[in-house]
C-alpha atoms as a PDB file:
ATOM      1  CA  MET A   1       0.069   0.017   0.029  1.00  0.00           C
ATOM      2  CA  GLU A   2       1.493   3.370  -0.973  1.00  0.00           C
ATOM      3  CA  GLY A   3       0.690   6.521   0.940  1.00  0.00           C
ATOM      4  CA  TYR A   4       1.936   9.574   2.557  1.00  0.00           C
ATOM      5  CA  VAL A   5       1.170  11.909   5.490  1.00  0.00           C
ATOM      6  CA  ALA A   6      -0.277  15.313   4.628  1.00  0.00           C
ATOM      7  CA  ARG A   7      -1.332  18.269   7.004  1.00  0.00           C
ATOM      8  CA  THR A   8      -4.272  20.355   6.574  1.00  0.00           C
ATOM      9  CA  GLY A   9      -4.665  23.201   9.077  1.00  0.00           C
ATOM     10  CA  ASN A  10      -4.242  21.583  12.506  1.00  0.00           C
ATOM     11  CA  ARG A  11      -5.048  17.999  11.447  1.00  0.00           C
ATOM     12  CA  TRP A  12      -2.876  15.345   9.905  1.00  0.00           C
ATOM     13  CA  TYR A  13      -4.223  12.866   7.273  1.00  0.00           C
ATOM     14  CA  ASP A  14      -2.995   9.549   5.891  1.00  0.00           C
ATOM     15  CA  VAL A  15      -3.399   9.717   2.079  1.00  0.00           C
ATOM     16  CA  ILE A  16      -3.659   6.235   0.566  1.00  0.00           C
ATOM     17  CA  TYR A  17      -3.047   5.673  -3.175  1.00  0.00           C
ATOM     18  CA  GLU A  18      -5.834   3.314  -4.632  1.00  0.00           C
ATOM     19  CA  GLY A  19      -4.857   2.923  -8.120  1.00  0.00           C
ATOM     20  CA  ILE A  20      -5.995   4.450 -11.458  1.00  0.00           C
ATOM     21  CA  ASP A  21      -9.685   5.248 -11.932  1.00  0.00           C
ATOM     22  CA  PRO A  22     -10.917   3.129 -14.945  1.00  0.00           C
ATOM     23  CA  VAL A  23     -13.330   5.763 -15.995  1.00  0.00           C
ATOM     24  CA  THR A  24     -11.276   9.007 -15.955  1.00  0.00           C
ATOM     25  CA  GLY A  25      -7.790   7.589 -15.976  1.00  0.00           C
ATOM     26  CA  LYS A  26      -6.741   9.723 -12.935  1.00  0.00           C
ATOM     27  CA  LYS A  27      -4.938   8.508  -9.825  1.00  0.00           C
ATOM     28  CA  ARG A  28      -7.423   7.798  -6.987  1.00  0.00           C
ATOM     29  CA  ARG A  29      -6.506   8.637  -3.430  1.00  0.00           C
ATOM     30  CA  SER A  30      -8.393   8.385  -0.102  1.00  0.00           C
ATOM     31  CA  ARG A  31      -7.814  10.587   2.940  1.00  0.00           C
ATOM     32  CA  HIS A  32      -8.129   9.256   6.545  1.00  0.00           C
ATOM     33  CA  ALA A  33      -7.960  11.531   9.362  1.00  0.00           C
ATOM     34  CA  ALA A  34      -5.117  10.541  11.792  1.00  0.00           C
ATOM     35  CA  GLY A  35      -5.148  13.173  14.633  1.00  0.00           C
ATOM     36  CA  THR A  36      -3.431  16.252  15.607  1.00  0.00           C
ATOM     37  CA  GLU A  37       0.088  14.964  15.977  1.00  0.00           C
ATOM     38  CA  ARG A  38       2.250  13.687  13.188  1.00  0.00           C
ATOM     39  CA  ALA A  39       3.467  10.809  15.252  1.00  0.00           C
ATOM     40  CA  ASP A  40      -0.127   9.526  15.364  1.00  0.00           C
ATOM     41  CA  ALA A  41      -0.508   9.765  11.614  1.00  0.00           C
ATOM     42  CA  ASP A  42       2.897   7.980  11.100  1.00  0.00           C
ATOM     43  CA  LEU A  43       1.611   5.058  13.195  1.00  0.00           C
ATOM     44  CA  VAL A  44      -1.714   4.767  11.101  1.00  0.00           C
ATOM     45  CA  CYS A  45       0.107   4.962   7.820  1.00  0.00           C
ATOM     46  CA  VAL A  46       2.397   2.005   8.599  1.00  0.00           C
END
């Protein structure tokens, strides 16, 4: 599973790559809230 950690405002999110959308041909990603600390987001992303 590919992904990375991103920050928006005061929250950290795990962004997970889900492959290519067969209809549009664009990359699909999903965002999952991981808390207010980067360390929490790193634990979820592993």
